[in-house]
Amino acid sequence: MGAVMRPIPMSLLASDMVVRRPANGELGGEYGEPSSVEHVRFVESREMARRGYVLSDGAKGLVYVDAANSTGDLPVPVGSLASIDGGEELAVLKSVACPGFFGVVHHWELEVG
């Protein structure tokens, strides 16, 4: 059997997120009903900067959503509003699917601001 990328450990996925996606899949200021994504990791922009990772202008942080251990309504598109652990709603500025082996998504990285 070939190598398998391990999921992000549950101990690192200590946050939950509530997401409101753009209504009808289009940007325009209207959003659908909130849905939950459990077991995500939020890292503030200043912590990312210490690691040499540059976020988009205006980003307040990066949310890691694991394909195996995060649960809920996935994926989260750009233009959605996300609240991590009951905090203020932040716009999803960037949503990147990070592939594992054989092109299968391992996790998503969401820049929020």
PDB file of N, CA and C in Angstrom:
ATOM      1  N   MET A   1       0.847  -1.189   0.000  1.00  0.00           N
ATOM      2  CA  MET A   1       0.000   0.000   0.000  1.00  0.00           C
ATOM      3  C   MET A   1       0.881   1.237   0.000  1.00  0.00           C
ATOM      4  N   GLY A   2       0.515   2.272  -0.760  1.00  0.00           N
ATOM      5  CA  GLY A   2       1.307   3.488  -0.892  1.00  0.00           C
ATOM      6  C   GLY A   2       1.202   4.377   0.329  1.00  0.00           C
ATOM      7  N   ALA A   3       2.030   5.408   0.332  1.00  0.00           N
ATOM      8  CA  ALA A   3       2.026   6.372   1.433  1.00  0.00           C
ATOM      9  C   ALA A   3       0.725   7.163   1.434  1.00  0.00           C
ATOM     10  N   VAL A   4       0.295   7.524   2.625  1.00  0.00           N
ATOM     11  CA  VAL A   4      -0.931   8.295   2.785  1.00  0.00           C
ATOM     12  C   VAL A   4      -0.615   9.526   3.623  1.00  0.00           C
ATOM     13  N   MET A   5      -1.110  10.682   3.190  1.00  0.00           N
ATOM     14  CA  MET A   5      -0.941  11.892   4.002  1.00  0.00           C
ATOM     15  C   MET A   5      -1.913  11.809   5.172  1.00  0.00           C
ATOM     16  N   ARG A   6      -1.384  12.016   6.338  1.00  0.00           N
ATOM     17  CA  ARG A   6      -2.226  11.969   7.529  1.00  0.00           C
ATOM     18  C   ARG A   6      -3.070  13.235   7.620  1.00  0.00           C
ATOM     19  N   PRO A   7      -4.272  13.113   8.154  1.00  0.00           N
ATOM     20  CA  PRO A   7      -5.111  14.300   8.364  1.00  0.00           C
ATOM     21  C   PRO A   7      -4.446  15.243   9.369  1.00  0.00           C
ATOM     22  N   ILE A   8      -4.900  16.488   9.378  1.00  0.00           N
ATOM     23  CA  ILE A   8      -4.465  17.413  10.426  1.00  0.00           C
ATOM     24  C   ILE A   8      -4.990  16.855  11.751  1.00  0.00           C
ATOM     25  N   PRO A   9      -4.139  16.736  12.763  1.00  0.00           N
ATOM     26  CA  PRO A   9      -4.584  16.154  14.035  1.00  0.00           C
ATOM     27  C   PRO A   9      -5.738  16.937  14.664  1.00  0.00           C
ATOM     28  N   MET A  10      -6.655  16.208  15.259  1.00  0.00           N
ATOM     29  CA  MET A  10      -7.812  16.834  15.919  1.00  0.00           C
ATOM     30  C   MET A  10      -7.380  17.824  16.999  1.00  0.00           C
ATOM     31  N   SER A  11      -6.247  17.568  17.647  1.00  0.00           N
ATOM     32  CA  SER A  11      -5.782  18.474  18.704  1.00  0.00           C
ATOM     33  C   SER A  11      -5.458  19.869  18.158  1.00  0.00           C
ATOM     34  N   LEU A  12      -5.178  19.969  16.864  1.00  0.00           N
ATOM     35  CA  LEU A  12      -4.904  21.267  16.244  1.00  0.00           C
ATOM     36  C   LEU A  12      -6.160  21.926  15.688  1.00  0.00           C
ATOM     37  N   LEU A  13      -7.237  21.168  15.599  1.00  0.00           N
ATOM     38  CA  LEU A  13      -8.499  21.673  15.018  1.00  0.00           C
ATOM     39  C   LEU A  13      -9.466  22.027  16.143  1.00  0.00           C
ATOM     40  N   ALA A  14      -9.063  22.991  16.969  1.00  0.00           N
ATOM     41  CA  ALA A  14      -9.780  23.295  18.213  1.00  0.00           C
ATOM     42  C   ALA A  14     -10.914  24.294  18.064  1.00  0.00           C
ATOM     43  N   SER A  15     -11.120  24.836  16.876  1.00  0.00           N
ATOM     44  CA  SER A  15     -12.147  25.861  16.686  1.00  0.00           C
ATOM     45  C   SER A  15     -13.288  25.341  15.829  1.00  0.00           C
ATOM     46  N   ASP A  16     -14.398  26.061  15.893  1.00  0.00           N
ATOM     47  CA  ASP A  16     -15.549  25.802  15.039  1.00  0.00           C
ATOM     48  C   ASP A  16     -15.867  27.099  14.295  1.00  0.00           C
ATOM     49  N   MET A  17     -16.525  26.955  13.150  1.00  0.00           N
ATOM     50  CA  MET A  17     -16.788  28.111  12.291  1.00  0.00           C
ATOM     51  C   MET A  17     -18.238  28.054  11.817  1.00  0.00           C
ATOM     52  N   VAL A  18     -18.868  29.207  11.762  1.00  0.00           N
ATOM     53  CA  VAL A  18     -20.196  29.338  11.161  1.00  0.00           C
ATOM     54  C   VAL A  18     -20.009  30.130   9.881  1.00  0.00           C
ATOM     55  N   VAL A  19     -20.581  29.618   8.803  1.00  0.00           N
ATOM     56  CA  VAL A  19     -20.372  30.193   7.477  1.00  0.00           C
ATOM     57  C   VAL A  19     -21.700  30.604   6.866  1.00  0.00           C
ATOM     58  N   ARG A  20     -21.704  31.773   6.230  1.00  0.00           N
ATOM     59  CA  ARG A  20     -22.837  32.188   5.393  1.00  0.00           C
ATOM     60  C   ARG A  20     -22.293  32.392   3.987  1.00  0.00           C
ATOM     61  N   ARG A  21     -22.778  31.594   3.049  1.00  0.00           N
ATOM     62  CA  ARG A  21     -22.323  31.662   1.666  1.00  0.00           C
ATOM     63  C   ARG A  21     -23.139  32.682   0.880  1.00  0.00           C
ATOM     64  N   PRO A  22     -22.521  33.243  -0.183  1.00  0.00           N
ATOM     65  CA  PRO A  22     -23.291  34.167  -1.018  1.00  0.00           C
ATOM     66  C   PRO A  22     -24.548  33.485  -1.558  1.00  0.00           C
ATOM     67  N   ALA A  23     -25.665  34.201  -1.511  1.00  0.00           N
ATOM     68  CA  ALA A  23     -26.939  33.652  -2.010  1.00  0.00           C
ATOM     69  C   ALA A  23     -26.816  33.344  -3.495  1.00  0.00           C
ATOM     70  N   ASN A  24     -27.374  32.242  -3.904  1.00  0.00           N
ATOM     71  CA  ASN A  24     -27.371  31.815  -5.305  1.00  0.00           C
ATOM     72  C   ASN A  24     -25.965  31.677  -5.879  1.00  0.00           C
ATOM     73  N   GLY A  25     -24.959  31.557  -4.996  1.00  0.00           N
ATOM     74  CA  GLY A  25     -23.593  31.370  -5.452  1.00  0.00           C
ATOM     75  C   GLY A  25     -22.961  32.591  -6.081  1.00  0.00           C
ATOM     76  N   GLU A  26     -23.578  33.763  -5.923  1.00  0.00           N
ATOM     77  CA  GLU A  26     -23.054  34.981  -6.552  1.00  0.00           C
ATOM     78  C   GLU A  26     -22.790  36.051  -5.508  1.00  0.00           C
ATOM     79  N   LEU A  27     -21.739  36.840  -5.746  1.00  0.00           N
ATOM     80  CA  LEU A  27     -21.454  37.970  -4.864  1.00  0.00           C
ATOM     81  C   LEU A  27     -22.500  39.046  -5.114  1.00  0.00           C
ATOM     82  N   GLY A  28     -22.872  39.775  -4.088  1.00  0.00           N
ATOM     83  CA  GLY A  28     -23.872  40.808  -4.273  1.00  0.00           C
ATOM     84  C   GLY A  28     -24.480  41.277  -2.970  1.00  0.00           C
ATOM     85  N   GLY A  29     -23.943  40.825  -1.850  1.00  0.00           N
ATOM     86  CA  GLY A  29     -24.406  41.316  -0.567  1.00  0.00           C
ATOM     87  C   GLY A  29     -25.508  40.514   0.082  1.00  0.00           C
ATOM     88  N   GLU A  30     -26.025  39.483  -0.594  1.00  0.00           N
ATOM     89  CA  GLU A  30     -27.043  38.631   0.010  1.00  0.00           C
ATOM     90  C   GLU A  30     -26.422  37.283   0.329  1.00  0.00           C
ATOM     91  N   TYR A  31     -26.795  36.751   1.497  1.00  0.00           N
ATOM     92  CA  TYR A  31     -26.194  35.512   1.982  1.00  0.00           C
ATOM     93  C   TYR A  31     -27.263  34.503   2.366  1.00  0.00           C
ATOM     94  N   GLY A  32     -26.907  33.247   2.248  1.00  0.00           N
ATOM     95  CA  GLY A  32     -27.802  32.162   2.628  1.00  0.00           C
ATOM     96  C   GLY A  32     -27.796  31.957   4.134  1.00  0.00           C
ATOM     97  N   GLU A  33     -28.495  30.925   4.546  1.00  0.00           N
ATOM     98  CA  GLU A  33     -28.585  30.578   5.964  1.00  0.00           C
ATOM     99  C   GLU A  33     -27.220  30.114   6.474  1.00  0.00           C
ATOM    100  N   PRO A  34     -26.941  30.358   7.760  1.00  0.00           N
ATOM    101  CA  PRO A  34     -25.663  29.923   8.320  1.00  0.00           C
ATOM    102  C   PRO A  34     -25.560  28.399   8.378  1.00  0.00           C
ATOM    103  N   SER A  35     -24.350  27.905   8.182  1.00  0.00           N
ATOM    104  CA  SER A  35     -24.075  26.479   8.352  1.00  0.00           C
ATOM    105  C   SER A  35     -22.774  26.346   9.133  1.00  0.00           C
ATOM    106  N   SER A  36     -22.614  25.224   9.787  1.00  0.00           N
ATOM    107  CA  SER A  36     -21.455  25.013  10.658  1.00  0.00           C
ATOM    108  C   SER A  36     -20.384  24.163   9.991  1.00  0.00           C
ATOM    109  N   VAL A  37     -19.153  24.493  10.307  1.00  0.00           N
ATOM    110  CA  VAL A  37     -18.002  23.658   9.970  1.00  0.00           C
ATOM    111  C   VAL A  37     -17.251  23.479  11.288  1.00  0.00           C
ATOM    112  N   GLU A  38     -17.202  22.258  11.761  1.00  0.00           N
ATOM    113  CA  GLU A  38     -16.567  21.975  13.045  1.00  0.00           C
ATOM    114  C   GLU A  38     -15.149  21.465  12.838  1.00  0.00           C
ATOM    115  N   HIS A  39     -14.307  21.727  13.821  1.00  0.00           N
ATOM    116  CA  HIS A  39     -12.929  21.239  13.852  1.00  0.00           C
ATOM    117  C   HIS A  39     -12.073  21.903  12.776  1.00  0.00           C
ATOM    118  N   VAL A  40     -11.848  23.201  12.949  1.00  0.00           N
ATOM    119  CA  VAL A  40     -10.970  23.968  12.068  1.00  0.00           C
ATOM    120  C   VAL A  40      -9.871  24.587  12.938  1.00  0.00           C
ATOM    121  N   ARG A  41      -8.862  25.135  12.284  1.00  0.00           N
ATOM    122  CA  ARG A  41      -7.787  25.822  13.004  1.00  0.00           C
ATOM    123  C   ARG A  41      -7.671  27.240  12.460  1.00  0.00           C
ATOM    124  N   PHE A  42      -7.685  28.217  13.344  1.00  0.00           N
ATOM    125  CA  PHE A  42      -7.513  29.622  12.967  1.00  0.00           C
ATOM    126  C   PHE A  42      -6.161  30.099  13.486  1.00  0.00           C
ATOM    127  N   VAL A  43      -5.367  30.679  12.587  1.00  0.00           N
ATOM    128  CA  VAL A  43      -4.074  31.241  12.959  1.00  0.00           C
ATOM    129  C   VAL A  43      -4.083  32.710  12.547  1.00  0.00           C
ATOM    130  N   GLU A  44      -3.859  33.610  13.511  1.00  0.00           N
ATOM    131  CA  GLU A  44      -3.886  35.043  13.241  1.00  0.00           C
ATOM    132  C   GLU A  44      -2.745  35.445  12.311  1.00  0.00           C
ATOM    133  N   SER A  45      -2.962  36.538  11.585  1.00  0.00           N
ATOM    134  CA  SER A  45      -1.999  36.991  10.580  1.00  0.00           C
ATOM    135  C   SER A  45      -0.623  37.277  11.181  1.00  0.00           C
ATOM    136  N   ARG A  46      -0.577  37.821  12.392  1.00  0.00           N
ATOM    137  CA  ARG A  46       0.736  38.120  12.989  1.00  0.00           C
ATOM    138  C   ARG A  46       1.535  36.854  13.259  1.00  0.00           C
ATOM    139  N   GLU A  47       0.858  35.782  13.616  1.00  0.00           N
ATOM    140  CA  GLU A  47       1.537  34.498  13.809  1.00  0.00           C
ATOM    141  C   GLU A  47       2.031  33.945  12.472  1.00  0.00           C
ATOM    142  N   MET A  48       1.222  34.101  11.432  1.00  0.00           N
ATOM    143  CA  MET A  48       1.629  33.636  10.101  1.00  0.00           C
ATOM    144  C   MET A  48       2.856  34.426   9.625  1.00  0.00           C
ATOM    145  N   ALA A  49       2.901  35.733   9.922  1.00  0.00           N
ATOM    146  CA  ALA A  49       4.030  36.575   9.509  1.00  0.00           C
ATOM    147  C   ALA A  49       5.317  36.103  10.187  1.00  0.00           C
ATOM    148  N   ARG A  50       5.217  35.676  11.452  1.00  0.00           N
ATOM    149  CA  ARG A  50       6.403  35.164  12.155  1.00  0.00           C
ATOM    150  C   ARG A  50       6.964  33.919  11.478  1.00  0.00           C
ATOM    151  N   ARG A  51       6.104  33.194  10.794  1.00  0.00           N
ATOM    152  CA  ARG A  51       6.529  31.979  10.094  1.00  0.00           C
ATOM    153  C   ARG A  51       6.970  32.277   8.658  1.00  0.00           C
ATOM    154  N   GLY A  52       6.907  33.549   8.263  1.00  0.00           N
ATOM    155  CA  GLY A  52       7.310  33.929   6.920  1.00  0.00           C
ATOM    156  C   GLY A  52       6.236  33.731   5.872  1.00  0.00           C
ATOM    157  N   TYR A  53       5.001  33.469   6.282  1.00  0.00           N
ATOM    158  CA  TYR A  53       3.882  33.251   5.372  1.00  0.00           C
ATOM    159  C   TYR A  53       3.186  34.586   5.157  1.00  0.00           C
ATOM    160  N   VAL A  54       3.070  35.019   3.938  1.00  0.00           N
ATOM    161  CA  VAL A  54       2.468  36.313   3.625  1.00  0.00           C
ATOM    162  C   VAL A  54       1.018  36.114   3.189  1.00  0.00           C
ATOM    163  N   LEU A  55       0.104  36.752   3.915  1.00  0.00           N
ATOM    164  CA  LEU A  55      -1.313  36.698   3.575  1.00  0.00           C
ATOM    165  C   LEU A  55      -1.680  37.880   2.688  1.00  0.00           C
ATOM    166  N   SER A  56      -2.844  37.818   2.074  1.00  0.00           N
ATOM    167  CA  SER A  56      -3.356  38.914   1.253  1.00  0.00           C
ATOM    168  C   SER A  56      -3.544  40.167   2.099  1.00  0.00           C
ATOM    169  N   ASP A  57      -3.493  41.329   1.448  1.00  0.00           N
ATOM    170  CA  ASP A  57      -3.752  42.586   2.156  1.00  0.00           C
ATOM    171  C   ASP A  57      -5.121  42.522   2.821  1.00  0.00           C
ATOM    172  N   GLY A  58      -5.186  42.935   4.060  1.00  0.00           N
ATOM    173  CA  GLY A  58      -6.446  42.968   4.788  1.00  0.00           C
ATOM    174  C   GLY A  58      -6.810  41.671   5.481  1.00  0.00           C
ATOM    175  N   ALA A  59      -6.052  40.611   5.262  1.00  0.00           N
ATOM    176  CA  ALA A  59      -6.370  39.329   5.898  1.00  0.00           C
ATOM    177  C   ALA A  59      -6.035  39.385   7.385  1.00  0.00           C
ATOM    178  N   LYS A  60      -6.955  38.880   8.199  1.00  0.00           N
ATOM    179  CA  LYS A  60      -6.741  38.837   9.643  1.00  0.00           C
ATOM    180  C   LYS A  60      -6.206  37.490  10.093  1.00  0.00           C
ATOM    181  N   GLY A  61      -6.264  36.506   9.200  1.00  0.00           N
ATOM    182  CA  GLY A  61      -5.753  35.203   9.575  1.00  0.00           C
ATOM    183  C   GLY A  61      -6.048  34.151   8.530  1.00  0.00           C
ATOM    184  N   LEU A  62      -5.632  32.939   8.850  1.00  0.00           N
ATOM    185  CA  LEU A  62      -5.785  31.796   7.966  1.00  0.00           C
ATOM    186  C   LEU A  62      -6.537  30.703   8.707  1.00  0.00           C
ATOM    187  N   VAL A  63      -7.534  30.129   8.049  1.00  0.00           N
ATOM    188  CA  VAL A  63      -8.298  29.027   8.619  1.00  0.00           C
ATOM    189  C   VAL A  63      -7.926  27.760   7.860  1.00  0.00           C
ATOM    190  N   TYR A  64      -7.511  26.738   8.610  1.00  0.00           N
ATOM    191  CA  TYR A  64      -7.232  25.427   8.026  1.00  0.00           C
ATOM    192  C   TYR A  64      -8.477  24.565   8.222  1.00  0.00           C
ATOM    193  N   VAL A  65      -8.954  23.978   7.132  1.00  0.00           N
ATOM    194  CA  VAL A  65     -10.114  23.090   7.167  1.00  0.00           C
ATOM    195  C   VAL A  65      -9.648  21.753   6.609  1.00  0.00           C
ATOM    196  N   ASP A  66      -9.652  20.725   7.439  1.00  0.00           N
ATOM    197  CA  ASP A  66      -9.138  19.416   7.046  1.00  0.00           C
ATOM    198  C   ASP A  66     -10.215  18.600   6.335  1.00  0.00           C
ATOM    199  N   ALA A  67      -9.845  17.967   5.235  1.00  0.00           N
ATOM    200  CA  ALA A  67     -10.812  17.179   4.463  1.00  0.00           C
ATOM    201  C   ALA A  67     -11.306  15.966   5.238  1.00  0.00           C
ATOM    202  N   ALA A  68     -10.480  15.420   6.133  1.00  0.00           N
ATOM    203  CA  ALA A  68     -10.869  14.223   6.873  1.00  0.00           C
ATOM    204  C   ALA A  68     -11.502  14.534   8.226  1.00  0.00           C
ATOM    205  N   ASN A  69     -10.925  15.478   8.969  1.00  0.00           N
ATOM    206  CA  ASN A  69     -11.366  15.698  10.348  1.00  0.00           C
ATOM    207  C   ASN A  69     -12.299  16.876  10.558  1.00  0.00           C
ATOM    208  N   SER A  70     -12.352  17.815   9.643  1.00  0.00           N
ATOM    209  CA  SER A  70     -13.325  18.907   9.765  1.00  0.00           C
ATOM    210  C   SER A  70     -14.654  18.375   9.237  1.00  0.00           C
ATOM    211  N   THR A  71     -15.731  18.762   9.889  1.00  0.00           N
ATOM    212  CA  THR A  71     -17.041  18.266   9.481  1.00  0.00           C
ATOM    213  C   THR A  71     -17.982  19.423   9.216  1.00  0.00           C
ATOM    214  N   GLY A  72     -18.919  19.200   8.312  1.00  0.00           N
ATOM    215  CA  GLY A  72     -19.913  20.216   8.009  1.00  0.00           C
ATOM    216  C   GLY A  72     -19.996  20.481   6.529  1.00  0.00           C
ATOM    217  N   ASP A  73     -20.508  21.645   6.209  1.00  0.00           N
ATOM    218  CA  ASP A  73     -20.791  22.040   4.830  1.00  0.00           C
ATOM    219  C   ASP A  73     -19.508  22.537   4.160  1.00  0.00           C
ATOM    220  N   LEU A  74     -18.864  21.673   3.379  1.00  0.00           N
ATOM    221  CA  LEU A  74     -17.583  21.983   2.731  1.00  0.00           C
ATOM    222  C   LEU A  74     -17.719  21.867   1.231  1.00  0.00           C
ATOM    223  N   PRO A  75     -16.866  22.533   0.457  1.00  0.00           N
ATOM    224  CA  PRO A  75     -15.887  23.553   0.823  1.00  0.00           C
ATOM    225  C   PRO A  75     -16.545  24.912   1.030  1.00  0.00           C
ATOM    226  N   VAL A  76     -15.727  25.899   1.413  1.00  0.00           N
ATOM    227  CA  VAL A  76     -16.210  27.255   1.682  1.00  0.00           C
ATOM    228  C   VAL A  76     -15.688  28.176   0.574  1.00  0.00           C
ATOM    229  N   PRO A  77     -16.566  28.765  -0.223  1.00  0.00           N
ATOM    230  CA  PRO A  77     -16.105  29.594  -1.345  1.00  0.00           C
ATOM    231  C   PRO A  77     -15.721  31.022  -0.947  1.00  0.00           C
ATOM    232  N   VAL A  78     -14.928  31.648  -1.805  1.00  0.00           N
ATOM    233  CA  VAL A  78     -14.590  33.063  -1.660  1.00  0.00           C
ATOM    234  C   VAL A  78     -15.892  33.866  -1.661  1.00  0.00           C
ATOM    235  N   GLY A  79     -15.931  34.904  -0.842  1.00  0.00           N
ATOM    236  CA  GLY A  79     -17.123  35.745  -0.753  1.00  0.00           C
ATOM    237  C   GLY A  79     -18.039  35.360   0.385  1.00  0.00           C
ATOM    238  N   SER A  80     -17.794  34.200   0.991  1.00  0.00           N
ATOM    239  CA  SER A  80     -18.584  33.784   2.151  1.00  0.00           C
ATOM    240  C   SER A  80     -18.189  34.629   3.356  1.00  0.00           C
ATOM    241  N   LEU A  81     -19.036  34.625   4.371  1.00  0.00           N
ATOM    242  CA  LEU A  81     -18.724  35.250   5.649  1.00  0.00           C
ATOM    243  C   LEU A  81     -18.514  34.135   6.663  1.00  0.00           C
ATOM    244  N   ALA A  82     -17.452  34.238   7.461  1.00  0.00           N
ATOM    245  CA  ALA A  82     -17.116  33.191   8.418  1.00  0.00           C
ATOM    246  C   ALA A  82     -16.914  33.799   9.800  1.00  0.00           C
ATOM    247  N   SER A  83     -17.496  33.153  10.793  1.00  0.00           N
ATOM    248  CA  SER A  83     -17.316  33.531  12.188  1.00  0.00           C
ATOM    249  C   SER A  83     -16.637  32.360  12.884  1.00  0.00           C
ATOM    250  N   ILE A  84     -15.457  32.604  13.455  1.00  0.00           N
ATOM    251  CA  ILE A  84     -14.719  31.549  14.130  1.00  0.00           C
ATOM    252  C   ILE A  84     -14.958  31.674  15.623  1.00  0.00           C
ATOM    253  N   ASP A  85     -15.427  30.587  16.231  1.00  0.00           N
ATOM    254  CA  ASP A  85     -15.687  30.534  17.676  1.00  0.00           C
ATOM    255  C   ASP A  85     -16.571  31.683  18.161  1.00  0.00           C
ATOM    256  N   GLY A  86     -17.560  32.056  17.358  1.00  0.00           N
ATOM    257  CA  GLY A  86     -18.515  33.084  17.761  1.00  0.00           C
ATOM    258  C   GLY A  86     -18.022  34.507  17.607  1.00  0.00           C
ATOM    259  N   GLY A  87     -16.869  34.697  16.985  1.00  0.00           N
ATOM    260  CA  GLY A  87     -16.324  36.044  16.784  1.00  0.00           C
ATOM    261  C   GLY A  87     -17.025  36.773  15.650  1.00  0.00           C
ATOM    262  N   GLU A  88     -16.500  37.947  15.325  1.00  0.00           N
ATOM    263  CA  GLU A  88     -17.082  38.746  14.253  1.00  0.00           C
ATOM    264  C   GLU A  88     -17.017  37.993  12.925  1.00  0.00           C
ATOM    265  N   GLU A  89     -17.957  38.317  12.042  1.00  0.00           N
ATOM    266  CA  GLU A  89     -17.932  37.712  10.715  1.00  0.00           C
ATOM    267  C   GLU A  89     -16.803  38.327   9.903  1.00  0.00           C
ATOM    268  N   LEU A  90     -16.030  37.469   9.269  1.00  0.00           N
ATOM    269  CA  LEU A  90     -14.928  37.889   8.417  1.00  0.00           C
ATOM    270  C   LEU A  90     -15.193  37.375   7.006  1.00  0.00           C
ATOM    271  N   ALA A  91     -14.822  38.165   6.019  1.00  0.00           N
ATOM    272  CA  ALA A  91     -15.006  37.757   4.631  1.00  0.00           C
ATOM    273  C   ALA A  91     -13.932  36.735   4.247  1.00  0.00           C
ATOM    274  N   VAL A  92     -14.339  35.717   3.506  1.00  0.00           N
ATOM    275  CA  VAL A  92     -13.379  34.762   2.958  1.00  0.00           C
ATOM    276  C   VAL A  92     -12.789  35.409   1.711  1.00  0.00           C
ATOM    277  N   LEU A  93     -11.508  35.794   1.811  1.00  0.00           N
ATOM    278  CA  LEU A  93     -10.813  36.509   0.742  1.00  0.00           C
ATOM    279  C   LEU A  93     -10.186  35.561  -0.273  1.00  0.00           C
ATOM    280  N   LYS A  94      -9.820  34.396   0.210  1.00  0.00           N
ATOM    281  CA  LYS A  94      -9.143  33.415  -0.637  1.00  0.00           C
ATOM    282  C   LYS A  94      -9.469  32.029  -0.092  1.00  0.00           C
ATOM    283  N   SER A  95      -9.716  31.088  -0.982  1.00  0.00           N
ATOM    284  CA  SER A  95     -10.007  29.708  -0.595  1.00  0.00           C
ATOM    285  C   SER A  95      -9.204  28.798  -1.512  1.00  0.00           C
ATOM    286  N   VAL A  96      -8.245  28.097  -0.926  1.00  0.00           N
ATOM    287  CA  VAL A  96      -7.346  27.260  -1.716  1.00  0.00           C
ATOM    288  C   VAL A  96      -7.484  25.814  -1.272  1.00  0.00           C
ATOM    289  N   ALA A  97      -7.762  24.936  -2.217  1.00  0.00           N
ATOM    290  CA  ALA A  97      -7.788  23.497  -1.955  1.00  0.00           C
ATOM    291  C   ALA A  97      -6.361  22.984  -2.101  1.00  0.00           C
ATOM    292  N   CYS A  98      -5.820  22.397  -1.052  1.00  0.00           N
ATOM    293  CA  CYS A  98      -4.447  21.895  -1.057  1.00  0.00           C
ATOM    294  C   CYS A  98      -4.481  20.386  -1.261  1.00  0.00           C
ATOM    295  N   PRO A  99      -3.959  19.932  -2.396  1.00  0.00           N
ATOM    296  CA  PRO A  99      -4.064  18.513  -2.708  1.00  0.00           C
ATOM    297  C   PRO A  99      -3.078  17.661  -1.924  1.00  0.00           C
ATOM    298  N   GLY A 100      -3.507  16.437  -1.671  1.00  0.00           N
ATOM    299  CA  GLY A 100      -2.626  15.419  -1.114  1.00  0.00           C
ATOM    300  C   GLY A 100      -2.185  14.542  -2.268  1.00  0.00           C
ATOM    301  N   PHE A 101      -2.091  13.279  -2.024  1.00  0.00           N
ATOM    302  CA  PHE A 101      -1.702  12.336  -3.069  1.00  0.00           C
ATOM    303  C   PHE A 101      -2.838  12.116  -4.057  1.00  0.00           C
ATOM    304  N   PHE A 102      -2.495  11.877  -5.286  1.00  0.00           N
ATOM    305  CA  PHE A 102      -3.435  11.549  -6.358  1.00  0.00           C
ATOM    306  C   PHE A 102      -4.461  12.643  -6.611  1.00  0.00           C
ATOM    307  N   GLY A 103      -4.131  13.896  -6.229  1.00  0.00           N
ATOM    308  CA  GLY A 103      -4.996  15.025  -6.495  1.00  0.00           C
ATOM    309  C   GLY A 103      -6.200  15.161  -5.579  1.00  0.00           C
ATOM    310  N   VAL A 104      -6.314  14.302  -4.578  1.00  0.00           N
ATOM    311  CA  VAL A 104      -7.419  14.376  -3.626  1.00  0.00           C
ATOM    312  C   VAL A 104      -7.131  15.505  -2.638  1.00  0.00           C
ATOM    313  N   VAL A 105      -8.141  16.319  -2.323  1.00  0.00           N
ATOM    314  CA  VAL A 105      -7.949  17.439  -1.400  1.00  0.00           C
ATOM    315  C   VAL A 105      -7.567  16.917  -0.016  1.00  0.00           C
ATOM    316  N   HIS A 106      -6.461  17.439   0.509  1.00  0.00           N
ATOM    317  CA  HIS A 106      -6.031  17.111   1.872  1.00  0.00           C
ATOM    318  C   HIS A 106      -6.647  18.094   2.862  1.00  0.00           C
ATOM    319  N   HIS A 107      -6.580  19.401   2.516  1.00  0.00           N
ATOM    320  CA  HIS A 107      -7.192  20.442   3.356  1.00  0.00           C
ATOM    321  C   HIS A 107      -7.416  21.699   2.521  1.00  0.00           C
ATOM    322  N   TRP A 108      -8.175  22.613   3.079  1.00  0.00           N
ATOM    323  CA  TRP A 108      -8.398  23.924   2.459  1.00  0.00           C
ATOM    324  C   TRP A 108      -7.750  24.964   3.362  1.00  0.00           C
ATOM    325  N   GLU A 109      -7.248  26.028   2.741  1.00  0.00           N
ATOM    326  CA  GLU A 109      -6.731  27.171   3.478  1.00  0.00           C
ATOM    327  C   GLU A 109      -7.578  28.384   3.096  1.00  0.00           C
ATOM    328  N   LEU A 110      -8.204  28.991   4.083  1.00  0.00           N
ATOM    329  CA  LEU A 110      -9.075  30.138   3.858  1.00  0.00           C
ATOM    330  C   LEU A 110      -8.437  31.379   4.474  1.00  0.00           C
ATOM    331  N   GLU A 111      -8.149  32.378   3.648  1.00  0.00           N
ATOM    332  CA  GLU A 111      -7.713  33.657   4.184  1.00  0.00           C
ATOM    333  C   GLU A 111      -8.968  34.454   4.487  1.00  0.00           C
ATOM    334  N   VAL A 112      -9.042  34.976   5.709  1.00  0.00           N
ATOM    335  CA  VAL A 112     -10.223  35.720   6.126  1.00  0.00           C
ATOM    336  C   VAL A 112      -9.832  37.103   6.621  1.00  0.00           C
ATOM    337  N   GLY A 113     -10.693  38.082   6.357  1.00  0.00           N
ATOM    338  CA  GLY A 113     -10.390  39.441   6.767  1.00  0.00           C
ATOM    339  C   GLY A 113     -11.604  40.312   6.813  1.00  0.00           C
TER     340      GLY A 113
END
